[in-house]
């Protein structure tokens, strides 16, 4: 195993706590209706289409035509999107600055190009990253290998000495197939401890 030179972070679920429920629990009085809305109207799969580059305005208008009874609630998805940000995952984001002093640190994220600036303006850790590849800018989403190649080619990285950290198993699977070293981050996994196991200096 080659010595790690570069560390690549996913954002949502690793560095940022993002959840539509943070907004919609304030909108819906009935939790069951909120769950119906998020499972059948503004779904995770629908959100991924915007992560892949579809304009937010178009996505909203089409969804409102499909579910006119939820017209106002659909408008809130991107109109009040910042309320879905629960904050930094501090136990992980506090590692970014010290890691960036010893390694090249990057971001590889599935995120709408229209909403990522909101997060970047809010959280200081972004300034320590040498570069970021955003799915919405590239019109590609993880786990498509093409998005990983954008990262590798843009920043001239070798996957064998690059560590990729993500909370999605499918994204980790692609990274493994491309030769990255990986950490599958899940709740309860101490990222600092996992980094130390791989010989990463903090």
C-alpha atoms as a PDB file:
ATOM      1  CA  UNK A   1       0.000   0.000   0.000  1.00  0.00           C
ATOM      2  CA  UNK A   2       1.500   3.328  -1.090  1.00  0.00           C
ATOM      3  CA  UNK A   3       2.020   6.158   1.377  1.00  0.00           C
ATOM      4  CA  UNK A   4      -0.931   8.552   1.321  1.00  0.00           C
ATOM      5  CA  UNK A   5      -0.260  11.965  -0.244  1.00  0.00           C
ATOM      6  CA  UNK A   6      -3.800  13.175  -0.964  1.00  0.00           C
ATOM      7  CA  UNK A   7      -7.041  12.998   1.028  1.00  0.00           C
ATOM      8  CA  UNK A   8     -10.420  13.447  -0.694  1.00  0.00           C
ATOM      9  CA  UNK A   9     -13.573  14.147   1.308  1.00  0.00           C
ATOM     10  CA  UNK A  10     -17.213  13.712   0.482  1.00  0.00           C
ATOM     11  CA  UNK A  11     -19.226  16.529   2.101  1.00  0.00           C
ATOM     12  CA  UNK A  12     -22.783  15.490   2.978  1.00  0.00           C
ATOM     13  CA  UNK A  13     -22.772  12.906   5.773  1.00  0.00           C
ATOM     14  CA  UNK A  14     -19.004  13.222   6.322  1.00  0.00           C
ATOM     15  CA  UNK A  15     -18.314  16.929   6.891  1.00  0.00           C
ATOM     16  CA  UNK A  16     -21.794  18.487   6.725  1.00  0.00           C
ATOM     17  CA  UNK A  17     -25.012  17.318   8.376  1.00  0.00           C
ATOM     18  CA  UNK A  18     -27.625  17.811   5.636  1.00  0.00           C
ATOM     19  CA  UNK A  19     -31.176  16.538   5.978  1.00  0.00           C
ATOM     20  CA  UNK A  20     -34.428  17.809   4.375  1.00  0.00           C
ATOM     21  CA  UNK A  21     -36.251  16.864   7.576  1.00  0.00           C
ATOM     22  CA  UNK A  22     -34.618  19.818   9.346  1.00  0.00           C
ATOM     23  CA  UNK A  23     -36.750  22.080   7.129  1.00  0.00           C
ATOM     24  CA  UNK A  24     -39.889  20.036   6.719  1.00  0.00           C
ATOM     25  CA  UNK A  25     -40.408  19.171  10.369  1.00  0.00           C
ATOM     26  CA  UNK A  26     -41.094  22.915  10.724  1.00  0.00           C
ATOM     27  CA  UNK A  27     -43.461  22.900   7.723  1.00  0.00           C
ATOM     28  CA  UNK A  28     -45.608  19.826   8.369  1.00  0.00           C
ATOM     29  CA  UNK A  29     -47.515  19.441  11.627  1.00  0.00           C
ATOM     30  CA  UNK A  30     -48.038  15.734  10.892  1.00  0.00           C
ATOM     31  CA  UNK A  31     -44.818  13.668  10.801  1.00  0.00           C
ATOM     32  CA  UNK A  32     -46.486  10.988   8.668  1.00  0.00           C
ATOM     33  CA  UNK A  33     -47.341  13.577   6.012  1.00  0.00           C
ATOM     34  CA  UNK A  34     -43.766  14.879   6.078  1.00  0.00           C
ATOM     35  CA  UNK A  35     -42.473  11.346   5.522  1.00  0.00           C
ATOM     36  CA  UNK A  36     -44.972  10.828   2.682  1.00  0.00           C
ATOM     37  CA  UNK A  37     -43.788  14.077   1.059  1.00  0.00           C
ATOM     38  CA  UNK A  38     -40.097  13.184   1.270  1.00  0.00           C
ATOM     39  CA  UNK A  39     -40.650   9.582   0.162  1.00  0.00           C
ATOM     40  CA  UNK A  40     -43.046  10.316  -2.719  1.00  0.00           C
ATOM     41  CA  UNK A  41     -42.816  13.971  -3.795  1.00  0.00           C
ATOM     42  CA  UNK A  42     -39.418  15.623  -3.202  1.00  0.00           C
ATOM     43  CA  UNK A  43     -37.499  12.376  -2.981  1.00  0.00           C
ATOM     44  CA  UNK A  44     -33.804  11.602  -2.630  1.00  0.00           C
ATOM     45  CA  UNK A  45     -33.737  10.371  -6.255  1.00  0.00           C
ATOM     46  CA  UNK A  46     -35.286  13.654  -7.406  1.00  0.00           C
ATOM     47  CA  UNK A  47     -32.665  15.627  -5.484  1.00  0.00           C
ATOM     48  CA  UNK A  48     -29.887  13.647  -7.189  1.00  0.00           C
ATOM     49  CA  UNK A  49     -31.107  14.904 -10.589  1.00  0.00           C
ATOM     50  CA  UNK A  50     -30.254  18.449  -9.458  1.00  0.00           C
ATOM     51  CA  UNK A  51     -26.922  17.147  -8.139  1.00  0.00           C
ATOM     52  CA  UNK A  52     -26.383  15.936 -11.709  1.00  0.00           C
ATOM     53  CA  UNK A  53     -26.845  19.438 -13.069  1.00  0.00           C
ATOM     54  CA  UNK A  54     -30.566  19.885 -13.707  1.00  0.00           C
ATOM     55  CA  UNK A  55     -31.589  23.527 -13.021  1.00  0.00           C
ATOM     56  CA  UNK A  56     -33.364  23.999  -9.708  1.00  0.00           C
ATOM     57  CA  UNK A  57     -36.079  26.221 -11.252  1.00  0.00           C
ATOM     58  CA  UNK A  58     -36.944  23.588 -13.866  1.00  0.00           C
ATOM     59  CA  UNK A  59     -37.005  20.782 -11.301  1.00  0.00           C
ATOM     60  CA  UNK A  60     -39.283  22.792  -9.026  1.00  0.00           C
ATOM     61  CA  UNK A  61     -41.733  23.761 -11.795  1.00  0.00           C
ATOM     62  CA  UNK A  62     -42.016  20.185 -13.080  1.00  0.00           C
ATOM     63  CA  UNK A  63     -42.587  18.823  -9.592  1.00  0.00           C
ATOM     64  CA  UNK A  64     -45.250  21.463  -8.865  1.00  0.00           C
ATOM     65  CA  UNK A  65     -47.115  20.427 -12.025  1.00  0.00           C
ATOM     66  CA  UNK A  66     -46.971  16.803 -10.922  1.00  0.00           C
ATOM     67  CA  UNK A  67     -48.113  17.520  -7.336  1.00  0.00           C
ATOM     68  CA  UNK A  68     -50.093  20.802  -7.400  1.00  0.00           C
ATOM     69  CA  UNK A  69     -51.480  20.097  -3.918  1.00  0.00           C
ATOM     70  CA  UNK A  70     -47.924  20.502  -2.567  1.00  0.00           C
ATOM     71  CA  UNK A  71     -47.004  23.525  -4.667  1.00  0.00           C
ATOM     72  CA  UNK A  72     -45.870  25.677  -1.710  1.00  0.00           C
ATOM     73  CA  UNK A  73     -43.978  22.881   0.025  1.00  0.00           C
ATOM     74  CA  UNK A  74     -42.146  21.993  -3.194  1.00  0.00           C
ATOM     75  CA  UNK A  75     -41.098  25.635  -3.627  1.00  0.00           C
ATOM     76  CA  UNK A  76     -39.578  25.542  -0.152  1.00  0.00           C
ATOM     77  CA  UNK A  77     -37.180  22.696  -1.067  1.00  0.00           C
ATOM     78  CA  UNK A  78     -34.790  25.068  -2.779  1.00  0.00           C
ATOM     79  CA  UNK A  79     -36.358  28.326  -1.607  1.00  0.00           C
ATOM     80  CA  UNK A  80     -35.482  27.474   2.007  1.00  0.00           C
ATOM     81  CA  UNK A  81     -32.716  24.986   1.217  1.00  0.00           C
ATOM     82  CA  UNK A  82     -30.295  26.520   3.728  1.00  0.00           C
ATOM     83  CA  UNK A  83     -32.587  25.331   6.540  1.00  0.00           C
ATOM     84  CA  UNK A  84     -31.687  21.730   5.615  1.00  0.00           C
ATOM     85  CA  UNK A  85     -28.108  22.363   6.739  1.00  0.00           C
ATOM     86  CA  UNK A  86     -27.764  21.041  10.268  1.00  0.00           C
ATOM     87  CA  UNK A  87     -24.202  22.267  10.644  1.00  0.00           C
ATOM     88  CA  UNK A  88     -20.694  20.881  10.467  1.00  0.00           C
ATOM     89  CA  UNK A  89     -19.863  17.390  11.696  1.00  0.00           C
ATOM     90  CA  UNK A  90     -17.317  18.947  14.018  1.00  0.00           C
ATOM     91  CA  UNK A  91     -15.414  15.805  15.006  1.00  0.00           C
ATOM     92  CA  UNK A  92     -14.460  15.501  11.328  1.00  0.00           C
ATOM     93  CA  UNK A  93     -14.204  19.107  10.132  1.00  0.00           C
ATOM     94  CA  UNK A  94     -11.753  19.965  12.925  1.00  0.00           C
ATOM     95  CA  UNK A  95      -9.326  17.545  11.234  1.00  0.00           C
ATOM     96  CA  UNK A  96      -9.279  19.423   7.922  1.00  0.00           C
ATOM     97  CA  UNK A  97      -6.879  22.219   8.870  1.00  0.00           C
ATOM     98  CA  UNK A  98      -4.186  19.991  10.443  1.00  0.00           C
ATOM     99  CA  UNK A  99      -4.507  17.459   7.608  1.00  0.00           C
ATOM    100  CA  UNK A 100      -4.211  20.202   4.978  1.00  0.00           C
ATOM    101  CA  UNK A 101      -0.855  21.194   6.468  1.00  0.00           C
ATOM    102  CA  UNK A 102       0.582  17.722   5.750  1.00  0.00           C
ATOM    103  CA  UNK A 103      -1.463  16.444   2.786  1.00  0.00           C
ATOM    104  CA  UNK A 104      -3.205  17.741  -0.318  1.00  0.00           C
ATOM    105  CA  UNK A 105      -6.891  17.838   0.648  1.00  0.00           C
ATOM    106  CA  UNK A 106      -9.788  17.897  -1.834  1.00  0.00           C
ATOM    107  CA  UNK A 107     -13.545  17.533  -2.034  1.00  0.00           C
ATOM    108  CA  UNK A 108     -15.551  15.246  -4.336  1.00  0.00           C
ATOM    109  CA  UNK A 109     -19.249  15.786  -3.811  1.00  0.00           C
ATOM    110  CA  UNK A 110     -22.683  15.096  -5.248  1.00  0.00           C
ATOM    111  CA  UNK A 111     -24.193  18.562  -4.844  1.00  0.00           C
ATOM    112  CA  UNK A 112     -26.206  21.013  -6.897  1.00  0.00           C
ATOM    113  CA  UNK A 113     -24.035  23.723  -8.431  1.00  0.00           C
ATOM    114  CA  UNK A 114     -26.725  26.220  -7.399  1.00  0.00           C
ATOM    115  CA  UNK A 115     -26.706  25.362  -3.679  1.00  0.00           C
ATOM    116  CA  UNK A 116     -23.032  24.520  -2.990  1.00  0.00           C
ATOM    117  CA  UNK A 117     -22.103  28.252  -2.743  1.00  0.00           C
ATOM    118  CA  UNK A 118     -24.439  28.550   0.280  1.00  0.00           C
ATOM    119  CA  UNK A 119     -22.530  25.819   2.130  1.00  0.00           C
ATOM    120  CA  UNK A 120     -19.137  27.147   1.034  1.00  0.00           C
ATOM    121  CA  UNK A 121     -19.933  30.597   2.390  1.00  0.00           C
ATOM    122  CA  UNK A 122     -21.115  29.162   5.710  1.00  0.00           C
ATOM    123  CA  UNK A 123     -18.316  26.746   6.653  1.00  0.00           C
ATOM    124  CA  UNK A 124     -14.713  27.780   7.137  1.00  0.00           C
ATOM    125  CA  UNK A 125     -13.158  24.368   6.456  1.00  0.00           C
ATOM    126  CA  UNK A 126     -13.666  24.819   2.690  1.00  0.00           C
ATOM    127  CA  UNK A 127     -10.779  27.308   2.550  1.00  0.00           C
ATOM    128  CA  UNK A 128      -8.289  24.596   3.538  1.00  0.00           C
ATOM    129  CA  UNK A 129      -9.138  22.370   0.550  1.00  0.00           C
ATOM    130  CA  UNK A 130      -6.850  22.639  -2.477  1.00  0.00           C
ATOM    131  CA  UNK A 131      -9.673  21.855  -4.873  1.00  0.00           C
ATOM    132  CA  UNK A 132     -13.264  20.694  -5.158  1.00  0.00           C
ATOM    133  CA  UNK A 133     -15.128  18.724  -7.823  1.00  0.00           C
ATOM    134  CA  UNK A 134     -18.903  19.296  -7.672  1.00  0.00           C
ATOM    135  CA  UNK A 135     -21.210  16.903  -9.511  1.00  0.00           C
ATOM    136  CA  UNK A 136     -23.623  19.672 -10.527  1.00  0.00           C
ATOM    137  CA  UNK A 137     -20.830  21.512 -12.348  1.00  0.00           C
ATOM    138  CA  UNK A 138     -19.678  18.387 -14.169  1.00  0.00           C
ATOM    139  CA  UNK A 139     -23.160  16.952 -14.991  1.00  0.00           C
ATOM    140  CA  UNK A 140     -21.989  13.649 -13.483  1.00  0.00           C
ATOM    141  CA  UNK A 141     -22.749  12.041 -10.119  1.00  0.00           C
ATOM    142  CA  UNK A 142     -20.997   9.474  -7.954  1.00  0.00           C
ATOM    143  CA  UNK A 143     -20.704   6.531  -8.218  1.00  0.00           C
ATOM    144  CA  UNK A 144     -20.067   7.150 -11.948  1.00  0.00           C
ATOM    145  CA  UNK A 145     -16.309   6.566 -12.413  1.00  0.00           C
ATOM    146  CA  UNK A 146     -16.191   9.501 -14.854  1.00  0.00           C
ATOM    147  CA  UNK A 147     -16.621  11.956 -11.961  1.00  0.00           C
ATOM    148  CA  UNK A 148     -13.654  10.415 -10.124  1.00  0.00           C
ATOM    149  CA  UNK A 149     -11.572  10.756 -13.290  1.00  0.00           C
ATOM    150  CA  UNK A 150     -12.436  14.474 -13.407  1.00  0.00           C
ATOM    151  CA  UNK A 151     -10.845  14.779  -9.950  1.00  0.00           C
ATOM    152  CA  UNK A 152      -7.798  12.670 -10.830  1.00  0.00           C
ATOM    153  CA  UNK A 153      -7.113  14.447 -14.107  1.00  0.00           C
ATOM    154  CA  UNK A 154      -7.818  17.995 -12.929  1.00  0.00           C
ATOM    155  CA  UNK A 155      -5.466  17.779  -9.963  1.00  0.00           C
ATOM    156  CA  UNK A 156      -3.024  15.234 -11.434  1.00  0.00           C
ATOM    157  CA  UNK A 157      -3.636  12.677  -8.672  1.00  0.00           C
ATOM    158  CA  UNK A 158      -2.622   9.036  -8.501  1.00  0.00           C
ATOM    159  CA  UNK A 159      -5.448   6.980  -6.929  1.00  0.00           C
ATOM    160  CA  UNK A 160      -2.962   4.607  -5.260  1.00  0.00           C
ATOM    161  CA  UNK A 161      -1.610   7.353  -2.986  1.00  0.00           C
ATOM    162  CA  UNK A 162      -5.002   9.058  -2.566  1.00  0.00           C
ATOM    163  CA  UNK A 163      -7.395   8.357   0.311  1.00  0.00           C
ATOM    164  CA  UNK A 164     -11.116   8.749  -0.444  1.00  0.00           C
ATOM    165  CA  UNK A 165     -13.626   9.165   2.412  1.00  0.00           C
ATOM    166  CA  UNK A 166     -17.377   8.812   1.786  1.00  0.00           C
ATOM    167  CA  UNK A 167     -20.474   7.667   3.676  1.00  0.00           C
ATOM    168  CA  UNK A 168     -22.051   5.930   0.661  1.00  0.00           C
ATOM    169  CA  UNK A 169     -21.071   2.286   0.093  1.00  0.00           C
ATOM    170  CA  UNK A 170     -21.597   2.469  -3.691  1.00  0.00           C
ATOM    171  CA  UNK A 171     -19.278   5.477  -3.917  1.00  0.00           C
ATOM    172  CA  UNK A 172     -16.634   3.639  -1.889  1.00  0.00           C
ATOM    173  CA  UNK A 173     -17.002   0.596  -4.127  1.00  0.00           C
ATOM    174  CA  UNK A 174     -16.223   2.657  -7.244  1.00  0.00           C
ATOM    175  CA  UNK A 175     -13.235   4.260  -5.539  1.00  0.00           C
ATOM    176  CA  UNK A 176     -11.863   0.843  -4.560  1.00  0.00           C
ATOM    177  CA  UNK A 177     -12.221  -0.395  -8.148  1.00  0.00           C
ATOM    178  CA  UNK A 178     -10.283   2.649  -9.388  1.00  0.00           C
ATOM    179  CA  UNK A 179      -7.421   1.942  -6.976  1.00  0.00           C
ATOM    180  CA  UNK A 180      -8.057   4.531  -4.255  1.00  0.00           C
ATOM    181  CA  UNK A 181      -7.411   3.810  -0.614  1.00  0.00           C
ATOM    182  CA  UNK A 182     -10.741   4.314   1.166  1.00  0.00           C
ATOM    183  CA  UNK A 183     -12.571   4.855   4.428  1.00  0.00           C
ATOM    184  CA  UNK A 184     -16.301   4.102   4.452  1.00  0.00           C
ATOM    185  CA  UNK A 185     -17.475   6.609   7.038  1.00  0.00           C
ATOM    186  CA  UNK A 186     -20.636   5.735   8.951  1.00  0.00           C
ATOM    187  CA  UNK A 187     -22.145   6.947  12.215  1.00  0.00           C
ATOM    188  CA  UNK A 188     -20.075   5.470  15.031  1.00  0.00           C
ATOM    189  CA  UNK A 189     -16.914   5.190  12.923  1.00  0.00           C
ATOM    190  CA  UNK A 190     -14.259   7.371  14.520  1.00  0.00           C
ATOM    191  CA  UNK A 191     -12.688   9.028  11.485  1.00  0.00           C
ATOM    192  CA  UNK A 192      -9.595  10.167  13.377  1.00  0.00           C
ATOM    193  CA  UNK A 193      -8.953   6.611  14.567  1.00  0.00           C
ATOM    194  CA  UNK A 194      -9.466   5.217  11.048  1.00  0.00           C
ATOM    195  CA  UNK A 195      -7.009   7.746   9.640  1.00  0.00           C
ATOM    196  CA  UNK A 196      -4.403   6.799  12.235  1.00  0.00           C
ATOM    197  CA  UNK A 197      -4.835   3.110  11.339  1.00  0.00           C
ATOM    198  CA  UNK A 198      -3.809   4.010   7.786  1.00  0.00           C
ATOM    199  CA  UNK A 199      -0.747   5.878   9.030  1.00  0.00           C
ATOM    200  CA  UNK A 200      -2.155   9.345   8.370  1.00  0.00           C
ATOM    201  CA  UNK A 201      -0.432  11.970  10.533  1.00  0.00           C
ATOM    202  CA  UNK A 202      -2.522  14.587  12.327  1.00  0.00           C
END
